[in-house]
Protein backbone atom coordinates (compact mmCIF):
# COMPACT_ATOMS: atom_id res chain seq x y z
CA MET A 1 43.69 76.02 -31.74
CA THR A 2 41.84 72.98 -30.34
CA VAL A 3 42.88 73.84 -26.78
CA ARG A 4 41.76 77.45 -27.20
CA LEU A 5 38.39 76.36 -28.66
CA THR A 6 37.86 73.83 -25.88
CA LEU A 7 38.62 76.42 -23.20
CA SER A 8 36.24 78.88 -24.86
CA VAL A 9 33.45 76.29 -24.95
CA LEU A 10 34.04 75.41 -21.27
CA ALA A 11 34.03 79.06 -20.27
CA VAL A 12 30.74 79.72 -22.07
CA ALA A 13 29.17 76.55 -20.63
CA GLY A 14 30.28 77.51 -17.13
CA PHE A 15 28.90 81.02 -17.48
CA ALA A 16 25.59 79.70 -18.81
CA GLY A 17 25.30 77.36 -15.84
CA LEU A 18 25.92 80.17 -13.37
CA SER A 19 23.51 82.56 -15.00
CA ALA A 20 20.62 80.07 -14.66
CA ALA A 21 20.70 80.40 -10.85
CA PRO A 22 19.60 83.57 -9.07
CA ALA A 23 22.48 85.98 -8.68
CA PHE A 24 22.09 86.31 -4.91
CA ALA A 25 20.38 83.21 -3.54
CA ASP A 26 19.64 84.17 0.04
CA ALA A 27 17.54 82.09 2.41
CA THR A 28 17.02 85.17 4.59
CA GLN A 29 14.98 86.91 1.89
CA GLU A 30 12.99 83.79 1.15
CA ILE A 31 12.22 83.23 4.84
CA ALA A 32 11.15 86.88 5.24
CA THR A 33 8.84 86.60 2.23
CA ALA A 34 7.41 83.32 3.53
CA GLY A 35 6.80 85.00 6.90
CA GLN A 36 4.97 87.87 5.21
CA HIS A 37 2.72 85.45 3.35
CA ALA A 38 2.04 83.50 6.53
CA GLY A 39 0.88 86.79 8.03
CA MET A 40 -1.31 87.47 5.00
CA ALA A 41 -2.79 83.98 5.38
CA ALA A 42 -3.47 84.55 9.08
CA GLY A 43 -5.32 87.76 8.27
CA SER A 44 -7.30 86.44 5.31
CA ALA A 45 -11.07 86.50 5.53
CA ASP A 46 -11.72 83.33 3.56
CA LEU A 47 -10.28 79.84 3.44
CA LYS A 48 -9.28 80.06 -0.23
CA MET A 49 -6.98 83.02 0.49
CA VAL A 50 -5.54 81.36 3.60
CA HIS A 51 -4.68 78.30 1.54
CA MET A 52 -3.19 80.37 -1.30
CA HIS A 53 -0.88 82.33 1.00
CA LEU A 54 0.14 79.19 2.89
CA GLN A 55 1.03 77.61 -0.46
CA HIS A 56 3.21 80.66 -1.10
CA VAL A 57 4.96 79.85 2.18
CA VAL A 58 5.53 76.28 1.01
CA ASN A 59 6.79 77.48 -2.36
CA CYS A 60 9.28 79.88 -0.74
CA ILE A 61 10.59 77.18 1.58
CA VAL A 62 10.92 74.26 -0.86
CA GLY A 63 11.67 76.18 -4.07
CA PRO A 64 10.68 75.22 -7.62
CA ALA A 65 12.47 71.86 -7.50
CA GLY A 66 11.16 70.90 -4.05
CA ALA A 67 8.46 68.50 -2.96
CA GLY A 68 5.14 70.28 -2.51
CA PHE A 69 5.92 73.19 -4.84
CA ASP A 70 2.81 74.32 -6.73
CA LYS A 71 3.61 76.53 -9.70
CA ALA A 72 -0.07 77.31 -10.29
CA ALA A 73 -0.31 78.98 -6.86
CA GLY A 74 2.43 81.46 -7.74
CA ASN A 75 5.86 81.95 -6.28
CA PRO A 76 6.49 85.22 -4.44
CA CYS A 77 10.12 84.09 -3.99
CA ASP A 78 10.75 83.78 -7.72
CA GLY A 79 14.20 85.16 -8.48
CA LYS A 80 15.27 85.20 -4.82
CA GLY A 81 16.82 81.74 -4.76
CA ASN A 82 16.11 78.05 -4.99
CA GLY A 83 13.95 77.82 -1.87
CA ALA A 84 14.99 78.68 1.67
CA ALA A 85 15.66 75.03 2.48
CA ALA A 86 17.95 74.63 -0.54
CA ASP A 87 19.69 77.95 0.09
CA GLY A 88 20.95 77.14 3.57
CA GLY A 89 18.08 78.18 5.83
CA ASP A 90 17.76 76.78 9.36
CA LYS A 91 16.53 73.24 8.67
CA ALA A 92 14.73 72.71 12.00
CA LYS A 93 12.89 76.01 11.76
CA LEU A 94 11.95 75.49 8.12
CA ASP A 95 10.83 71.89 8.62
CA GLY A 96 8.51 72.97 11.45
CA ALA A 97 7.09 75.87 9.48
CA LEU A 98 6.64 73.72 6.38
CA ALA A 99 4.77 71.02 8.32
CA LYS A 100 2.50 73.59 9.98
CA ALA A 101 1.82 75.35 6.64
CA LYS A 102 0.81 72.03 5.11
CA GLU A 103 -1.52 71.40 8.06
CA GLY A 104 -3.16 74.75 7.39
CA ILE A 105 -3.54 73.96 3.70
CA ALA A 106 -5.15 70.61 4.56
CA SER A 107 -7.61 72.18 7.01
CA ASP A 108 -11.18 72.86 5.93
CA ASP A 109 -11.81 75.06 8.97
CA LEU A 110 -11.08 78.77 8.55
CA ALA A 111 -10.21 79.39 12.21
CA THR A 112 -7.85 76.40 12.34
CA ALA A 113 -6.14 77.30 9.07
CA ARG A 114 -5.68 80.91 10.22
CA LYS A 115 -4.24 79.71 13.54
CA ASP A 116 -1.82 77.46 11.68
CA ALA A 117 -0.82 80.42 9.51
CA SER A 118 -0.25 82.55 12.60
CA ASP A 119 1.92 79.79 14.07
CA VAL A 120 3.93 79.61 10.82
CA GLN A 121 4.47 83.37 10.89
CA ALA A 122 5.76 83.16 14.47
CA MET A 123 8.10 80.31 13.56
CA LEU A 124 9.55 82.18 10.61
CA THR A 125 9.93 85.58 12.24
CA LYS A 126 11.64 84.63 15.52
């Protein structure tokens, strides 16, 4: 009886742990979504929107547990995984795109921020 109860508890605990993660964590989807938001940032007419979409890029790359994630900005990759970097995306490509996205967020110049966003889109879509 004790063995059966212990196995049942372990099985339920294991299932609960698995169900907390997205069913199909896929860096490819997160990278594609980040690329789309980089494109939206590049085409935005005002700096606030450029920054918001670039933060979406950051959020998709680092995931909710990653450095630089900003829940208040929104997460278009919610439910797609744990962040492209955590889900096995190309580290070199993601590190470059992440650094450039952060440069764009830090910029107070619309043209510079949009150029950074365009660069991020190119990095993520090639």
